[in-house]
Amino acid sequence: MTGATSSTILTDTATSTGLSGITASTGMSSATASMASTTTAADAGAELTGIAGWAVDVMNTLGGMGAAALIALENLFPPLPSEVILPLAGFTAGSGTGFSLLSAILWCTAGSVIGAWLLYGLGAWLGRERAHRLLARLPLVNERDVARTESWFLRRGHWTVFLGRMIPVFRSLISLPAGITRMKPLPFTLLTTAGSAIWNSVLITAGFLLGANWSTVESYVGIFSRVIVTVLLVGTIWWAALRIYATRRGSRPVQPKQSRPHQTDNGDPDPEAAHTACAIPSS
């Protein structure tokens, strides 16, 4: 009886020890997984350098508010590229470090609108007359060009603001003419929000799905940006060439036509015909 009891005690002890070991092992595994998922974006920030590494550090520290602040700065400081920040925001959201995919899109769109409003305010402060004077001082630009551009923006400004928020280079600059022409605040806000939301959603979702390969988005958007810049340069050079040609042609003096003297049959000047042509008729 005593042996059976001892055997039972030893069996229960082993069982409880095994269960405790399994529980402890499971707990350690869960904690390790949690720590790994929490430190993924931090590790990515440590591995990345330059703007990308700094952006990940800001988003890891401030969460969605950091993403919004970065995008607002991108509007004011174009060398801070959205094709880097937005995919990184999606990658950071996929790492489970404080904000989800939806919150990343919402925060970044809010940052885009804030940055656009700051530039709108700068354009409104600059004003129409001051902007006209500054633009008219540019080489090859005259008042008629400025007036024509302003008239075009007044007619198509709503579509320009909406589509401009989805085009690199124009994304930030498009808010300035909207402020200069004093576009109504409500349409400007709605159109800016809609255009920014589309652009942000595409790039953030791509970064979320690609994960560590988020830089693929930067490569494709970079190609698109270079195409836009090339088209702008070619168009500017063509416009400048036409303007220089028109200016030189307009400044060329007009030579008066000279009448040829009358000639005889053998090719010599006829003095009597010339005298007759130059004579003043008497009254």
Protein backbone atom coordinates (compact mmCIF):
# COMPACT_ATOMS: atom_id res chain seq x y z
CA MET A 1 0.00 0.00 0.00
CA THR A 2 2.83 2.28 0.90
CA GLY A 3 4.60 1.47 -2.40
CA ALA A 4 1.47 2.18 -4.41
CA THR A 5 1.02 5.47 -2.60
CA SER A 6 4.63 6.50 -3.23
CA SER A 7 4.32 5.55 -6.91
CA THR A 8 1.18 7.65 -7.20
CA ILE A 9 2.88 10.61 -5.54
CA LEU A 10 5.88 10.33 -7.84
CA THR A 11 3.61 10.10 -10.89
CA ASP A 12 1.59 13.18 -9.87
CA THR A 13 4.79 15.08 -9.17
CA ALA A 14 6.20 14.24 -12.59
CA THR A 15 2.95 15.14 -14.27
CA SER A 16 2.72 18.50 -12.53
CA THR A 17 6.36 19.18 -13.25
CA GLY A 18 5.81 18.39 -16.93
CA LEU A 19 2.74 20.58 -17.11
CA SER A 20 4.59 23.40 -15.42
CA GLY A 21 7.40 23.01 -17.91
CA ILE A 22 4.99 23.05 -20.84
CA THR A 23 3.21 26.08 -19.40
CA ALA A 24 6.45 27.89 -18.82
CA SER A 25 7.66 26.97 -22.28
CA THR A 26 4.42 28.16 -23.86
CA GLY A 27 4.53 31.38 -21.88
CA MET A 28 8.08 32.03 -22.96
CA SER A 29 7.15 31.34 -26.58
CA SER A 30 4.23 33.78 -26.44
CA ALA A 31 6.37 36.44 -24.80
CA THR A 32 9.11 35.89 -27.35
CA ALA A 33 6.64 36.15 -30.24
CA SER A 34 5.15 39.30 -28.74
CA MET A 35 8.56 40.86 -28.29
CA ALA A 36 9.57 39.87 -31.82
CA SER A 37 6.49 41.42 -33.35
CA THR A 38 6.96 44.57 -31.27
CA THR A 39 10.60 44.99 -32.22
CA THR A 40 10.25 44.22 -35.93
CA ALA A 41 9.73 47.83 -36.99
CA ALA A 42 12.32 49.01 -34.48
CA ASP A 43 14.83 46.60 -35.97
CA ALA A 44 13.86 47.85 -39.43
CA GLY A 45 14.49 51.41 -38.28
CA ALA A 46 17.90 50.37 -37.00
CA GLU A 47 18.76 48.66 -40.28
CA LEU A 48 17.54 51.53 -42.49
CA THR A 49 19.59 54.67 -42.85
CA GLY A 50 18.97 58.24 -43.95
CA ILE A 51 15.43 59.53 -44.36
CA ALA A 52 13.89 56.03 -44.27
CA GLY A 53 15.52 55.11 -40.96
CA TRP A 54 14.59 58.44 -39.42
CA ALA A 55 10.96 58.11 -40.62
CA VAL A 56 10.62 54.63 -39.07
CA ASP A 57 12.05 55.92 -35.77
CA VAL A 58 9.54 58.78 -35.72
CA MET A 59 6.59 56.45 -36.42
CA ASN A 60 7.78 53.93 -33.83
CA THR A 61 8.02 56.69 -31.23
CA LEU A 62 4.89 58.73 -32.01
CA GLY A 63 2.71 56.16 -33.79
CA GLY A 64 0.07 57.47 -36.18
CA MET A 65 0.67 61.05 -35.08
CA GLY A 66 4.27 60.69 -36.21
CA ALA A 67 3.13 59.49 -39.65
CA ALA A 68 0.80 62.50 -39.93
CA ALA A 69 3.60 64.88 -38.94
CA LEU A 70 5.95 63.39 -41.54
CA ILE A 71 3.40 63.76 -44.35
CA ALA A 72 2.62 67.34 -43.30
CA LEU A 73 6.35 68.08 -43.53
CA GLU A 74 6.47 66.38 -46.94
CA ASN A 75 4.03 69.00 -48.23
CA LEU A 76 6.22 71.83 -46.98
CA PHE A 77 9.57 70.24 -47.79
CA PRO A 78 9.37 68.36 -51.13
CA PRO A 79 12.81 66.65 -50.75
CA LEU A 80 11.08 64.57 -48.06
CA PRO A 81 9.46 62.10 -50.51
CA SER A 82 6.01 60.64 -49.97
CA GLU A 83 7.03 57.56 -51.97
CA VAL A 84 9.33 56.68 -49.05
CA ILE A 85 7.20 57.74 -46.07
CA LEU A 86 3.86 56.26 -47.15
CA PRO A 87 5.08 52.70 -47.93
CA LEU A 88 7.06 52.80 -44.68
CA ALA A 89 3.87 53.75 -42.84
CA GLY A 90 2.20 50.66 -44.32
CA PHE A 91 5.19 48.50 -43.43
CA THR A 92 5.18 49.84 -39.86
CA ALA A 93 1.43 49.19 -39.57
CA GLY A 94 1.99 45.60 -40.74
CA SER A 95 4.61 45.11 -38.01
CA GLY A 96 1.97 45.61 -35.31
CA THR A 97 3.67 48.51 -33.56
CA GLY A 98 0.85 50.75 -32.43
CA PHE A 99 -1.39 51.51 -35.42
CA SER A 100 -3.32 49.56 -38.02
CA LEU A 101 -3.54 49.89 -41.79
CA LEU A 102 -6.75 51.96 -41.58
CA SER A 103 -5.36 54.27 -38.91
CA ALA A 104 -2.18 54.75 -40.98
CA ILE A 105 -4.29 55.87 -43.96
CA LEU A 106 -6.40 58.19 -41.81
CA TRP A 107 -3.44 59.73 -39.99
CA CYS A 108 -1.46 60.28 -43.19
CA THR A 109 -4.46 61.82 -44.97
CA ALA A 110 -4.94 64.19 -42.04
CA GLY A 111 -1.28 65.16 -42.30
CA SER A 112 -1.66 65.78 -46.04
CA VAL A 113 -4.62 68.11 -45.47
CA ILE A 114 -2.78 70.01 -42.72
CA GLY A 115 0.28 70.51 -44.94
CA ALA A 116 -1.89 71.58 -47.86
CA TRP A 117 -3.67 74.15 -45.70
CA LEU A 118 -0.35 75.62 -44.57
CA LEU A 119 0.63 76.17 -48.21
CA TYR A 120 -2.85 77.51 -48.99
CA GLY A 121 -2.32 80.05 -46.20
CA LEU A 122 1.06 81.00 -47.65
CA GLY A 123 -0.55 81.58 -51.05
CA ALA A 124 -3.34 83.65 -49.50
CA TRP A 125 -0.79 85.74 -47.61
CA LEU A 126 1.22 86.26 -50.79
CA GLY A 127 -1.88 87.57 -52.53
CA ARG A 128 -2.81 88.04 -56.15
CA GLU A 129 -1.05 91.35 -56.81
CA ARG A 130 2.22 90.33 -55.18
CA ALA A 131 2.17 86.99 -57.00
CA HIS A 132 1.60 88.82 -60.31
CA ARG A 133 4.59 91.07 -59.68
CA LEU A 134 6.86 88.17 -58.73
CA LEU A 135 5.85 86.03 -61.69
CA ALA A 136 6.15 88.91 -64.14
CA ARG A 137 9.81 89.31 -63.11
CA LEU A 138 10.65 85.81 -64.28
CA PRO A 139 12.63 85.61 -67.53
CA LEU A 140 10.46 85.40 -70.67
CA VAL A 141 7.24 85.80 -68.62
CA ASN A 142 4.93 88.76 -69.11
CA GLU A 143 1.71 89.98 -67.55
CA ARG A 144 -0.38 88.36 -70.27
CA ASP A 145 1.06 84.94 -69.41
CA VAL A 146 0.25 85.41 -65.73
CA ALA A 147 -3.29 86.59 -66.46
CA ARG A 148 -3.89 83.65 -68.83
CA THR A 149 -2.65 81.15 -66.24
CA GLU A 150 -4.83 82.68 -63.54
CA SER A 151 -7.88 82.59 -65.80
CA TRP A 152 -7.24 78.92 -66.62
CA PHE A 153 -6.94 78.03 -62.91
CA LEU A 154 -10.13 79.88 -62.06
CA ARG A 155 -12.00 77.79 -64.66
CA ARG A 156 -10.42 74.40 -63.88
CA GLY A 157 -9.04 74.85 -60.37
CA HIS A 158 -11.24 72.20 -58.73
CA TRP A 159 -10.07 69.38 -61.00
CA THR A 160 -6.52 70.68 -60.82
CA VAL A 161 -6.46 70.48 -57.02
CA PHE A 162 -8.02 67.02 -56.96
CA LEU A 163 -5.77 65.46 -59.61
CA GLY A 164 -2.72 67.41 -58.50
CA ARG A 165 -2.76 65.64 -55.13
CA MET A 166 -2.00 62.39 -56.97
CA ILE A 167 0.86 63.66 -59.14
CA PRO A 168 4.44 63.85 -57.82
CA VAL A 169 6.01 67.33 -57.85
CA PHE A 170 2.55 68.95 -58.15
CA ARG A 171 1.28 67.44 -54.87
CA SER A 172 2.67 70.21 -52.73
CA LEU A 173 2.77 73.13 -55.16
CA ILE A 174 -0.88 72.92 -56.21
CA SER A 175 -2.04 74.44 -52.89
CA LEU A 176 -0.21 77.72 -53.59
CA PRO A 177 -2.32 78.89 -56.57
CA ALA A 178 -5.42 77.75 -54.71
CA GLY A 179 -4.51 80.13 -51.91
CA ILE A 180 -3.50 82.95 -54.24
CA THR A 181 -6.84 82.80 -56.07
CA ARG A 182 -8.68 82.34 -52.75
CA MET A 183 -10.47 79.12 -53.67
CA LYS A 184 -13.38 78.54 -51.30
CA PRO A 185 -12.22 76.67 -48.18
CA LEU A 186 -14.81 73.88 -48.23
CA PRO A 187 -14.21 72.71 -51.84
CA PHE A 188 -10.45 73.00 -51.32
CA THR A 189 -10.58 70.86 -48.19
CA LEU A 190 -12.86 68.20 -49.70
CA LEU A 191 -10.91 67.93 -52.96
CA THR A 192 -7.57 67.85 -51.15
CA THR A 193 -8.83 65.17 -48.77
CA ALA A 194 -10.20 63.02 -51.60
CA GLY A 195 -7.08 63.24 -53.76
CA SER A 196 -4.75 62.69 -50.82
CA ALA A 197 -6.77 59.73 -49.54
CA ILE A 198 -6.51 57.95 -52.90
CA TRP A 199 -2.76 58.53 -53.23
CA ASN A 200 -2.05 57.64 -49.60
CA SER A 201 -4.22 54.51 -49.66
CA VAL A 202 -2.44 53.07 -52.70
CA LEU A 203 1.08 53.61 -51.37
CA ILE A 204 0.36 52.66 -47.74
CA THR A 205 -1.49 49.48 -48.74
CA ALA A 206 1.35 48.53 -51.08
CA GLY A 207 3.87 48.95 -48.27
CA PHE A 208 1.62 46.94 -45.93
CA LEU A 209 1.39 44.03 -48.39
CA LEU A 210 5.02 44.07 -49.50
CA GLY A 211 6.43 44.21 -45.98
CA ALA A 212 10.22 44.23 -46.04
CA ASN A 213 10.09 44.74 -49.82
CA TRP A 214 8.40 48.13 -49.41
CA SER A 215 11.20 49.81 -51.40
CA THR A 216 9.67 48.32 -54.56
CA VAL A 217 6.97 51.01 -54.29
CA GLU A 218 9.63 53.71 -54.14
CA SER A 219 11.22 52.35 -57.32
CA TYR A 220 8.00 52.45 -59.36
CA VAL A 221 6.88 55.84 -58.05
CA GLY A 222 10.40 57.14 -58.69
CA ILE A 223 10.08 56.17 -62.35
CA PHE A 224 6.72 57.97 -62.51
CA SER A 225 8.26 61.06 -60.90
CA ARG A 226 11.15 61.11 -63.36
CA VAL A 227 8.70 60.91 -66.28
CA ILE A 228 6.77 63.88 -64.87
CA VAL A 229 9.97 65.91 -64.38
CA THR A 230 11.16 65.06 -67.90
CA VAL A 231 7.85 66.15 -69.45
CA LEU A 232 8.02 69.40 -67.48
CA LEU A 233 11.59 70.10 -68.59
CA VAL A 234 10.85 69.36 -72.24
CA GLY A 235 7.71 71.50 -72.14
CA THR A 236 9.56 74.37 -70.46
CA ILE A 237 12.43 74.25 -72.95
CA TRP A 238 9.99 74.18 -75.88
CA TRP A 239 7.99 77.10 -74.47
CA ALA A 240 11.18 79.11 -73.84
CA ALA A 241 12.44 78.44 -77.38
CA LEU A 242 9.16 79.62 -78.91
CA ARG A 243 9.12 82.71 -76.69
CA ILE A 244 12.73 83.62 -77.59
CA TYR A 245 11.98 83.17 -81.30
CA ALA A 246 8.85 85.34 -81.09
CA THR A 247 10.73 88.03 -79.12
CA ARG A 248 13.58 88.21 -81.60
CA ARG A 249 11.23 88.24 -84.55
CA GLY A 250 9.17 91.05 -83.03
CA SER A 251 12.24 93.18 -82.25
CA ARG A 252 13.73 92.87 -85.76
CA PRO A 253 13.44 96.28 -87.58
CA VAL A 254 11.33 96.36 -90.73
CA GLN A 255 13.35 97.47 -93.75
CA PRO A 256 11.47 99.84 -96.13
CA LYS A 257 11.13 98.59 -99.66
CA GLN A 258 13.26 100.40 -102.19
CA SER A 259 11.91 100.90 -105.70
CA ARG A 260 14.19 99.86 -108.52
CA PRO A 261 15.08 102.56 -111.05
CA HIS A 262 13.55 102.22 -114.48
CA GLN A 263 15.86 100.59 -116.97
CA THR A 264 16.24 100.87 -120.73
CA ASP A 265 16.20 97.94 -123.09
CA ASN A 266 19.94 97.35 -122.69
CA GLY A 267 19.72 97.33 -118.87
CA ASP A 268 20.97 100.89 -118.17
CA PRO A 269 18.94 103.24 -115.91
CA ASP A 270 16.55 105.50 -117.79
CA PRO A 271 17.23 109.03 -116.43
CA GLU A 272 14.08 110.56 -117.91
CA ALA A 273 11.82 107.89 -116.38
CA ALA A 274 13.44 108.37 -112.99
CA HIS A 275 13.04 112.16 -113.35
CA THR A 276 9.37 111.72 -114.25
CA ALA A 277 8.75 109.42 -111.26
CA CYS A 278 10.36 111.89 -108.87
CA ALA A 279 8.70 115.00 -110.28
CA ILE A 280 6.06 116.73 -108.18
CA PRO A 281 2.92 117.50 -110.15
CA SER A 282 2.11 121.18 -110.29
CA SER A 283 -1.24 122.38 -108.99
